[in-house]
Structure formats: C-alpha cells, structure tokens
Amino acid sequence: IALAVGRAHLEPSNFVLASYAAGKSALTADERALGSVVIEIGGSVTSLAFIRHDKLVAAESFNMGGQLLTNDVAHGLSTSIAHAERMKTLFGTAIEGGHDEREMLAVPLLGEKGTDSVQRVAKGFLTRILVARLEEIFEHCAKRLASPAFAQSAGTRVVLTGGGSLMPGLAELAARVLNRTVRVGVSTALNGMSEPQRNAGFTVLSGELLQAARTDPHYALHEEAWKPRAGS
C-alpha cells in the first residue's frame, strides 16, 4: 500500500491499526477510559484492540472476515460470488428461527441459464450458513481475548465495528459466544459526513481521519517500523 501511495506522488506520514482507528471513532470517552475491546470485522481480516486509559493496550488479528461468509453462501447455495454477496447483504441475519423456514429466496444457480437456472431456498438455510461461520469467528476472538496480552480486558464490554457488524442479531450472537456485553459501534460525526455514513462500516475511515487530525503520541509508530526498506 505504501508503494502504491508513493507512485501517486504522495508520502504516508504514518500507519494505524484498523481496530484502533475504529476505536477512536466508535468508543465513547468513558469506554476509552475504563477499557473496551474493539472487534473490527473487515472483508478478509478480523482484528481486535483493547483500549484503556485512552491507550492501545493489546492488539491481535486473524485471517477471517466478511468475504469468508460470502464464500460460504456461494458454496452452500451453489451460486456465484456476486449473488452470494447480494444475498448476504439483503437477507443475511444472525437471528435464527421465526418465519425463516417459510420465507423462500430465489437463488440463481452457478453456471446455468434459462428458466431452470433458479432454485428456491428457505431463508433459514441462509441464516444457518452465516451463523455457523460467525460463531467460528467469535470463537477465534474468544481464544485471543483469553490470551495473556488481553488478560486485563476481562469483563470489559465489546464494541463491534466494520461492515460485517451491520448484520441483524450479530451483537446478540457475539454476546452469547464471548460471554460479554456487546454493542455495535457507530462512527463519530465529522463535518461533511452524512447520517447514513455514521454506521459501523465507516468507523475505520473516520478513525483514521481523527488520527491524522490529532495524532496520538502514545500510538504513533516509529518510521523504521513501516518505512519500505531498500530493495524490498
């Protein structure tokens, strides 16, 4: 990314961890002071940050994110990646039960055309695919929260951010797996930011803007930590 920015004749001044940037935007002043864990569910990576006394105490990440959910839906419903993403966005939920078994969804079959190219699938089947993977993601989060690095975070609340956290029922699912109080974060209001852009999907972006405007001296990385080395 640094090389791509450099080719555009720009110079990065610093880098910031996605979950920390999300925390700067989504956490309240009390949450930053008393201690909270931010779980940023990105497209390919889920990252965690424990913030207390307005400082980054611990951070962790692993390669599981929203794209994995899309792949699961595509495989489970035998449809394209593009349509799986659409199904996840429009109909995805982490709330099982209700009328999901009676509500049917039209799913185009992968590689087929014509009138026989669409199958009808119960919405509950889509939900079970998503919940299975989401539980796995939060189980990975629970293991990392149990590590020595996050030992001081025991009992603190969890704030979910990232586009993947917008799914209905996700906070309740995370609370059940993590056994903690969980809420979905919203972005800090910035000049020029519309109300729809204050959802959890924009927390990293708004947090990076806040970090650029008011650099945190406790967090800033030394230049040697991110500067591309000669020949690399």
C-alpha atoms as a PDB file:
ATOM      1  CA  ILE A   1       0.000   0.000   0.000  1.00  0.00           C
ATOM      2  CA  ALA A   2       2.850   2.367   0.839  1.00  0.00           C
ATOM      3  CA  LEU A   3       4.439   1.776  -2.574  1.00  0.00           C
ATOM      4  CA  ALA A   4       1.106   2.390  -4.322  1.00  0.00           C
ATOM      5  CA  VAL A   5       0.688   5.666  -2.453  1.00  0.00           C
ATOM      6  CA  GLY A   6       4.259   6.611  -3.329  1.00  0.00           C
ATOM      7  CA  ARG A   7       3.611   6.041  -7.039  1.00  0.00           C
ATOM      8  CA  ALA A   8       0.777   8.556  -6.752  1.00  0.00           C
ATOM      9  CA  HIS A   9       3.432  11.118  -5.646  1.00  0.00           C
ATOM     10  CA  LEU A  10       2.181  11.103  -2.057  1.00  0.00           C
ATOM     11  CA  GLU A  11       4.048  10.230   1.115  1.00  0.00           C
ATOM     12  CA  PRO A  12       2.458   8.289   4.013  1.00  0.00           C
ATOM     13  CA  SER A  13       3.029  10.081   7.310  1.00  0.00           C
ATOM     14  CA  ASN A  14       2.140   7.021   9.388  1.00  0.00           C
ATOM     15  CA  PHE A  15       0.067   3.844   9.600  1.00  0.00           C
ATOM     16  CA  VAL A  16      -2.698   2.995  12.051  1.00  0.00           C
ATOM     17  CA  LEU A  17      -4.158  -0.367  13.046  1.00  0.00           C
ATOM     18  CA  ALA A  18      -7.709  -0.772  11.712  1.00  0.00           C
ATOM     19  CA  SER A  19      -9.205  -1.839  15.057  1.00  0.00           C
ATOM     20  CA  TYR A  20      -7.502   1.052  16.869  1.00  0.00           C
ATOM     21  CA  ALA A  21      -8.766   3.550  14.291  1.00  0.00           C
ATOM     22  CA  ALA A  22     -12.252   2.088  14.696  1.00  0.00           C
ATOM     23  CA  GLY A  23     -11.921   2.507  18.455  1.00  0.00           C
ATOM     24  CA  LYS A  24     -11.002   6.179  18.148  1.00  0.00           C
ATOM     25  CA  SER A  25     -14.212   6.699  16.211  1.00  0.00           C
ATOM     26  CA  ALA A  26     -16.701   4.276  17.788  1.00  0.00           C
ATOM     27  CA  LEU A  27     -15.833   4.287  21.513  1.00  0.00           C
ATOM     28  CA  THR A  28     -17.245   6.849  23.920  1.00  0.00           C
ATOM     29  CA  ALA A  29     -14.898   8.782  26.207  1.00  0.00           C
ATOM     30  CA  ASP A  30     -15.893   6.552  29.154  1.00  0.00           C
ATOM     31  CA  GLU A  31     -15.324   3.375  27.141  1.00  0.00           C
ATOM     32  CA  ARG A  32     -11.850   4.544  26.140  1.00  0.00           C
ATOM     33  CA  ALA A  33     -11.025   5.464  29.738  1.00  0.00           C
ATOM     34  CA  LEU A  34     -12.476   2.456  31.588  1.00  0.00           C
ATOM     35  CA  GLY A  35     -11.476  -0.101  28.948  1.00  0.00           C
ATOM     36  CA  SER A  36     -13.189  -1.692  25.960  1.00  0.00           C
ATOM     37  CA  VAL A  37     -12.360  -4.235  23.287  1.00  0.00           C
ATOM     38  CA  VAL A  38     -13.000  -3.302  19.660  1.00  0.00           C
ATOM     39  CA  ILE A  39     -13.611  -6.150  17.209  1.00  0.00           C
ATOM     40  CA  GLU A  40     -13.313  -4.892  13.646  1.00  0.00           C
ATOM     41  CA  ILE A  41     -14.837  -7.337  11.153  1.00  0.00           C
ATOM     42  CA  GLY A  42     -13.272  -6.475   7.812  1.00  0.00           C
ATOM     43  CA  GLY A  43     -13.509  -8.075   4.411  1.00  0.00           C
ATOM     44  CA  SER A  44     -10.617 -10.511   4.860  1.00  0.00           C
ATOM     45  CA  VAL A  45      -9.333  -9.871   8.385  1.00  0.00           C
ATOM     46  CA  THR A  46     -10.912  -9.604  11.821  1.00  0.00           C
ATOM     47  CA  SER A  47      -8.832  -7.523  14.221  1.00  0.00           C
ATOM     48  CA  LEU A  48      -9.111  -6.826  17.928  1.00  0.00           C
ATOM     49  CA  ALA A  49      -7.862  -3.921  20.025  1.00  0.00           C
ATOM     50  CA  PHE A  50      -8.027  -3.447  23.786  1.00  0.00           C
ATOM     51  CA  ILE A  51      -8.105   0.256  24.631  1.00  0.00           C
ATOM     52  CA  ARG A  52      -7.921   1.569  28.200  1.00  0.00           C
ATOM     53  CA  HIS A  53      -6.966   4.951  29.639  1.00  0.00           C
ATOM     54  CA  ASP A  54      -7.243   6.146  26.029  1.00  0.00           C
ATOM     55  CA  LYS A  55      -4.239   3.990  25.042  1.00  0.00           C
ATOM     56  CA  LEU A  56      -3.800   0.841  22.961  1.00  0.00           C
ATOM     57  CA  VAL A  57      -3.017  -1.973  25.408  1.00  0.00           C
ATOM     58  CA  ALA A  58      -3.131  -5.043  23.153  1.00  0.00           C
ATOM     59  CA  ALA A  59      -3.971  -5.926  19.564  1.00  0.00           C
ATOM     60  CA  GLU A  60      -4.483  -9.107  17.560  1.00  0.00           C
ATOM     61  CA  SER A  61      -5.830 -10.153  14.156  1.00  0.00           C
ATOM     62  CA  PHE A  62      -6.605 -13.278  12.149  1.00  0.00           C
ATOM     63  CA  ASN A  63      -7.497 -14.005   8.534  1.00  0.00           C
ATOM     64  CA  MET A  64     -11.262 -14.450   8.722  1.00  0.00           C
ATOM     65  CA  GLY A  65     -13.789 -11.840   7.651  1.00  0.00           C
ATOM     66  CA  GLY A  66     -16.865 -10.983   5.660  1.00  0.00           C
ATOM     67  CA  GLN A  67     -15.521 -12.442   2.425  1.00  0.00           C
ATOM     68  CA  LEU A  68     -15.397 -15.863   4.064  1.00  0.00           C
ATOM     69  CA  LEU A  69     -19.121 -15.566   4.802  1.00  0.00           C
ATOM     70  CA  THR A  70     -19.754 -14.727   1.149  1.00  0.00           C
ATOM     71  CA  ASN A  71     -17.748 -17.754   0.023  1.00  0.00           C
ATOM     72  CA  ASP A  72     -19.715 -19.992   2.390  1.00  0.00           C
ATOM     73  CA  VAL A  73     -23.007 -18.729   0.979  1.00  0.00           C
ATOM     74  CA  ALA A  74     -21.793 -19.202  -2.615  1.00  0.00           C
ATOM     75  CA  HIS A  75     -20.726 -22.768  -1.866  1.00  0.00           C
ATOM     76  CA  GLY A  76     -23.767 -23.688   0.211  1.00  0.00           C
ATOM     77  CA  LEU A  77     -26.305 -22.284  -2.264  1.00  0.00           C
ATOM     78  CA  SER A  78     -24.371 -23.205  -5.455  1.00  0.00           C
ATOM     79  CA  THR A  79     -24.469 -19.629  -6.705  1.00  0.00           C
ATOM     80  CA  SER A  80     -21.974 -17.002  -7.866  1.00  0.00           C
ATOM     81  CA  ILE A  81     -19.806 -14.920  -5.541  1.00  0.00           C
ATOM     82  CA  ALA A  82     -21.580 -11.743  -6.700  1.00  0.00           C
ATOM     83  CA  HIS A  83     -25.038 -13.112  -5.954  1.00  0.00           C
ATOM     84  CA  ALA A  84     -23.869 -14.626  -2.660  1.00  0.00           C
ATOM     85  CA  GLU A  85     -22.682 -11.171  -1.586  1.00  0.00           C
ATOM     86  CA  ARG A  86     -26.067  -9.740  -2.550  1.00  0.00           C
ATOM     87  CA  MET A  87     -27.900 -12.461  -0.618  1.00  0.00           C
ATOM     88  CA  LYS A  88     -25.748 -11.863   2.453  1.00  0.00           C
ATOM     89  CA  THR A  89     -26.258  -8.100   2.327  1.00  0.00           C
ATOM     90  CA  LEU A  90     -30.008  -8.092   1.644  1.00  0.00           C
ATOM     91  CA  PHE A  91     -31.197 -11.144   3.580  1.00  0.00           C
ATOM     92  CA  GLY A  92     -28.362 -12.043   5.946  1.00  0.00           C
ATOM     93  CA  THR A  93     -29.216 -12.269   9.650  1.00  0.00           C
ATOM     94  CA  ALA A  94     -27.767 -13.896  12.751  1.00  0.00           C
ATOM     95  CA  ILE A  95     -31.239 -14.389  14.248  1.00  0.00           C
ATOM     96  CA  GLU A  96     -32.372 -17.979  13.885  1.00  0.00           C
ATOM     97  CA  GLY A  97     -35.984 -19.150  13.965  1.00  0.00           C
ATOM     98  CA  GLY A  98     -39.139 -17.149  13.329  1.00  0.00           C
ATOM     99  CA  HIS A  99     -40.630 -17.370   9.843  1.00  0.00           C
ATOM    100  CA  ASP A 100     -37.311 -18.126   8.118  1.00  0.00           C
ATOM    101  CA  GLU A 101     -38.307 -21.679   7.185  1.00  0.00           C
ATOM    102  CA  ARG A 102     -41.435 -20.477   5.365  1.00  0.00           C
ATOM    103  CA  GLU A 103     -39.848 -17.478   3.645  1.00  0.00           C
ATOM    104  CA  MET A 104     -38.288 -18.607   0.361  1.00  0.00           C
ATOM    105  CA  LEU A 105     -35.464 -16.908  -1.565  1.00  0.00           C
ATOM    106  CA  ALA A 106     -34.790 -17.199  -5.297  1.00  0.00           C
ATOM    107  CA  VAL A 107     -31.164 -18.202  -5.886  1.00  0.00           C
ATOM    108  CA  PRO A 108     -29.631 -18.270  -9.400  1.00  0.00           C
ATOM    109  CA  LEU A 109     -27.639 -21.474  -9.872  1.00  0.00           C
ATOM    110  CA  LEU A 110     -23.976 -21.185 -10.737  1.00  0.00           C
ATOM    111  CA  GLY A 111     -23.175 -21.570 -14.449  1.00  0.00           C
ATOM    112  CA  GLU A 112     -26.753 -22.253 -15.571  1.00  0.00           C
ATOM    113  CA  LYS A 113     -29.109 -20.233 -17.751  1.00  0.00           C
ATOM    114  CA  GLY A 114     -32.780 -20.364 -18.620  1.00  0.00           C
ATOM    115  CA  THR A 115     -35.966 -20.981 -16.686  1.00  0.00           C
ATOM    116  CA  ASP A 116     -34.473 -23.885 -14.727  1.00  0.00           C
ATOM    117  CA  SER A 117     -31.492 -21.860 -13.524  1.00  0.00           C
ATOM    118  CA  VAL A 118     -33.158 -20.599 -10.319  1.00  0.00           C
ATOM    119  CA  GLN A 119     -33.714 -22.637  -7.161  1.00  0.00           C
ATOM    120  CA  ARG A 120     -35.847 -21.643  -4.174  1.00  0.00           C
ATOM    121  CA  VAL A 121     -34.199 -21.916  -0.776  1.00  0.00           C
ATOM    122  CA  ALA A 122     -35.603 -21.255   2.690  1.00  0.00           C
ATOM    123  CA  LYS A 123     -34.178 -18.111   4.269  1.00  0.00           C
ATOM    124  CA  GLY A 124     -33.429 -20.215   7.348  1.00  0.00           C
ATOM    125  CA  PHE A 125     -30.874 -22.220   5.370  1.00  0.00           C
ATOM    126  CA  LEU A 126     -29.001 -18.998   4.504  1.00  0.00           C
ATOM    127  CA  THR A 127     -29.127 -17.980   8.167  1.00  0.00           C
ATOM    128  CA  ARG A 128     -27.662 -21.297   9.331  1.00  0.00           C
ATOM    129  CA  ILE A 129     -24.754 -20.947   6.885  1.00  0.00           C
ATOM    130  CA  LEU A 130     -23.959 -17.462   8.184  1.00  0.00           C
ATOM    131  CA  VAL A 131     -24.399 -18.285  11.881  1.00  0.00           C
ATOM    132  CA  ALA A 132     -22.080 -21.299  11.670  1.00  0.00           C
ATOM    133  CA  ARG A 133     -19.229 -19.184  10.301  1.00  0.00           C
ATOM    134  CA  LEU A 134     -19.933 -16.212  12.587  1.00  0.00           C
ATOM    135  CA  GLU A 135     -19.799 -18.463  15.638  1.00  0.00           C
ATOM    136  CA  GLU A 136     -16.403 -19.727  14.452  1.00  0.00           C
ATOM    137  CA  ILE A 137     -15.145 -16.156  14.023  1.00  0.00           C
ATOM    138  CA  PHE A 138     -16.234 -15.176  17.526  1.00  0.00           C
ATOM    139  CA  GLU A 139     -14.770 -18.377  18.973  1.00  0.00           C
ATOM    140  CA  HIS A 140     -11.429 -17.292  17.499  1.00  0.00           C
ATOM    141  CA  CYS A 141     -11.974 -13.887  19.113  1.00  0.00           C
ATOM    142  CA  ALA A 142     -12.711 -15.558  22.456  1.00  0.00           C
ATOM    143  CA  LYS A 143      -9.431 -17.513  22.291  1.00  0.00           C
ATOM    144  CA  ARG A 144      -7.473 -14.330  21.683  1.00  0.00           C
ATOM    145  CA  LEU A 145      -9.282 -12.487  24.469  1.00  0.00           C
ATOM    146  CA  ALA A 146      -8.250 -15.324  26.804  1.00  0.00           C
ATOM    147  CA  SER A 147      -4.556 -14.831  25.952  1.00  0.00           C
ATOM    148  CA  PRO A 148      -2.155 -13.121  28.403  1.00  0.00           C
ATOM    149  CA  ALA A 149      -1.997  -9.999  26.222  1.00  0.00           C
ATOM    150  CA  PHE A 150      -5.716  -9.377  26.767  1.00  0.00           C
ATOM    151  CA  ALA A 151      -5.839 -10.621  30.380  1.00  0.00           C
ATOM    152  CA  GLN A 152      -6.588  -7.133  31.715  1.00  0.00           C
ATOM    153  CA  SER A 153      -9.610  -6.861  29.414  1.00  0.00           C
ATOM    154  CA  ALA A 154     -11.626  -9.460  31.383  1.00  0.00           C
ATOM    155  CA  GLY A 155     -15.149  -8.221  31.981  1.00  0.00           C
ATOM    156  CA  THR A 156     -14.896  -5.215  29.683  1.00  0.00           C
ATOM    157  CA  ARG A 157     -17.516  -4.546  27.060  1.00  0.00           C
ATOM    158  CA  VAL A 158     -17.005  -5.348  23.377  1.00  0.00           C
ATOM    159  CA  VAL A 159     -17.814  -2.948  20.542  1.00  0.00           C
ATOM    160  CA  LEU A 160     -18.273  -4.402  17.051  1.00  0.00           C
ATOM    161  CA  THR A 161     -17.266  -2.356  14.012  1.00  0.00           C
ATOM    162  CA  GLY A 162     -16.774  -2.906  10.306  1.00  0.00           C
ATOM    163  CA  GLY A 163     -19.226  -3.627   7.521  1.00  0.00           C
ATOM    164  CA  GLY A 164     -19.670  -7.194   8.717  1.00  0.00           C
ATOM    165  CA  SER A 165     -21.078  -5.990  12.049  1.00  0.00           C
ATOM    166  CA  LEU A 166     -24.187  -4.485  10.420  1.00  0.00           C
ATOM    167  CA  MET A 167     -25.950  -7.851  10.169  1.00  0.00           C
ATOM    168  CA  PRO A 168     -29.105  -8.023  12.340  1.00  0.00           C
ATOM    169  CA  GLY A 169     -28.654 -10.043  15.516  1.00  0.00           C
ATOM    170  CA  LEU A 170     -24.859 -10.055  15.364  1.00  0.00           C
ATOM    171  CA  ALA A 171     -24.371  -8.293  18.719  1.00  0.00           C
ATOM    172  CA  GLU A 172     -26.587 -10.867  20.454  1.00  0.00           C
ATOM    173  CA  LEU A 173     -24.680 -13.748  18.827  1.00  0.00           C
ATOM    174  CA  ALA A 174     -21.324 -12.238  19.820  1.00  0.00           C
ATOM    175  CA  ALA A 175     -22.527 -11.694  23.402  1.00  0.00           C
ATOM    176  CA  ARG A 176     -23.524 -15.357  23.643  1.00  0.00           C
ATOM    177  CA  VAL A 177     -20.198 -16.686  22.326  1.00  0.00           C
ATOM    178  CA  LEU A 178     -17.940 -14.179  24.110  1.00  0.00           C
ATOM    179  CA  ASN A 179     -19.997 -14.042  27.323  1.00  0.00           C
ATOM    180  CA  ARG A 180     -19.611 -10.265  27.420  1.00  0.00           C
ATOM    181  CA  THR A 181     -21.710  -7.170  26.926  1.00  0.00           C
ATOM    182  CA  VAL A 182     -21.618  -6.311  23.217  1.00  0.00           C
ATOM    183  CA  ARG A 183     -22.860  -3.382  21.166  1.00  0.00           C
ATOM    184  CA  VAL A 184     -22.432  -2.289  17.537  1.00  0.00           C
ATOM    185  CA  GLY A 185     -20.429   0.919  17.173  1.00  0.00           C
ATOM    186  CA  VAL A 186     -21.235   3.990  15.092  1.00  0.00           C
ATOM    187  CA  SER A 187     -18.814   6.488  13.578  1.00  0.00           C
ATOM    188  CA  THR A 188     -18.058   9.800  15.211  1.00  0.00           C
ATOM    189  CA  ALA A 189     -19.909  12.640  13.496  1.00  0.00           C
ATOM    190  CA  LEU A 190     -17.498  14.567  11.266  1.00  0.00           C
ATOM    191  CA  ASN A 191     -18.162  17.667   9.187  1.00  0.00           C
ATOM    192  CA  GLY A 192     -19.467  16.590   5.780  1.00  0.00           C
ATOM    193  CA  MET A 193     -20.329  13.060   6.889  1.00  0.00           C
ATOM    194  CA  SER A 194     -23.963  12.170   6.217  1.00  0.00           C
ATOM    195  CA  GLU A 195     -26.085  10.303   8.764  1.00  0.00           C
ATOM    196  CA  PRO A 196     -26.095   7.014   6.752  1.00  0.00           C
ATOM    197  CA  GLN A 197     -22.275   7.118   6.767  1.00  0.00           C
ATOM    198  CA  ARG A 198     -22.201   7.040  10.569  1.00  0.00           C
ATOM    199  CA  ASN A 199     -22.761   3.289  10.633  1.00  0.00           C
ATOM    200  CA  ALA A 200     -20.190   0.725  11.766  1.00  0.00           C
ATOM    201  CA  GLY A 201     -18.874   0.281   8.217  1.00  0.00           C
ATOM    202  CA  PHE A 202     -17.223   3.722   8.285  1.00  0.00           C
ATOM    203  CA  THR A 203     -15.609   3.611  11.725  1.00  0.00           C
ATOM    204  CA  VAL A 204     -12.097   2.805  10.452  1.00  0.00           C
ATOM    205  CA  LEU A 205     -12.211   5.596   7.880  1.00  0.00           C
ATOM    206  CA  SER A 206     -13.459   8.221  10.332  1.00  0.00           C
ATOM    207  CA  GLY A 207     -10.991   6.998  12.962  1.00  0.00           C
ATOM    208  CA  GLU A 208      -8.095   7.378  10.520  1.00  0.00           C
ATOM    209  CA  LEU A 209      -9.228  10.938   9.805  1.00  0.00           C
ATOM    210  CA  LEU A 210      -9.310  11.663  13.542  1.00  0.00           C
ATOM    211  CA  GLN A 211      -5.838  10.129  13.956  1.00  0.00           C
ATOM    212  CA  ALA A 212      -4.495  12.267  11.102  1.00  0.00           C
ATOM    213  CA  ALA A 213      -6.064  15.419  12.534  1.00  0.00           C
ATOM    214  CA  ARG A 214      -4.990  14.770  16.131  1.00  0.00           C
ATOM    215  CA  THR A 215      -2.104  12.294  16.201  1.00  0.00           C
ATOM    216  CA  ASP A 216      -1.982  10.163  19.321  1.00  0.00           C
ATOM    217  CA  PRO A 217       1.603  10.339  20.671  1.00  0.00           C
ATOM    218  CA  HIS A 218       1.063   7.095  22.603  1.00  0.00           C
ATOM    219  CA  TYR A 219       0.265   5.194  19.438  1.00  0.00           C
ATOM    220  CA  ALA A 220       2.327   6.649  16.575  1.00  0.00           C
ATOM    221  CA  LEU A 221       4.667   4.081  15.037  1.00  0.00           C
ATOM    222  CA  HIS A 222       8.324   4.886  14.550  1.00  0.00           C
ATOM    223  CA  GLU A 223       9.189   5.479  10.908  1.00  0.00           C
ATOM    224  CA  GLU A 224      11.504   2.447  10.888  1.00  0.00           C
ATOM    225  CA  ALA A 225       8.523   0.211  11.644  1.00  0.00           C
ATOM    226  CA  TRP A 226       6.739   0.925   8.382  1.00  0.00           C
ATOM    227  CA  LYS A 227       9.195   2.621   6.019  1.00  0.00           C
ATOM    228  CA  PRO A 228       9.859   0.347   2.991  1.00  0.00           C
ATOM    229  CA  ARG A 229      13.403  -0.943   3.089  1.00  0.00           C
ATOM    230  CA  ALA A 230      15.773  -0.516   0.156  1.00  0.00           C
ATOM    231  CA  GLY A 231      15.432  -3.408  -2.267  1.00  0.00           C
ATOM    232  CA  SER A 232      12.137  -4.631  -0.759  1.00  0.00           C
END
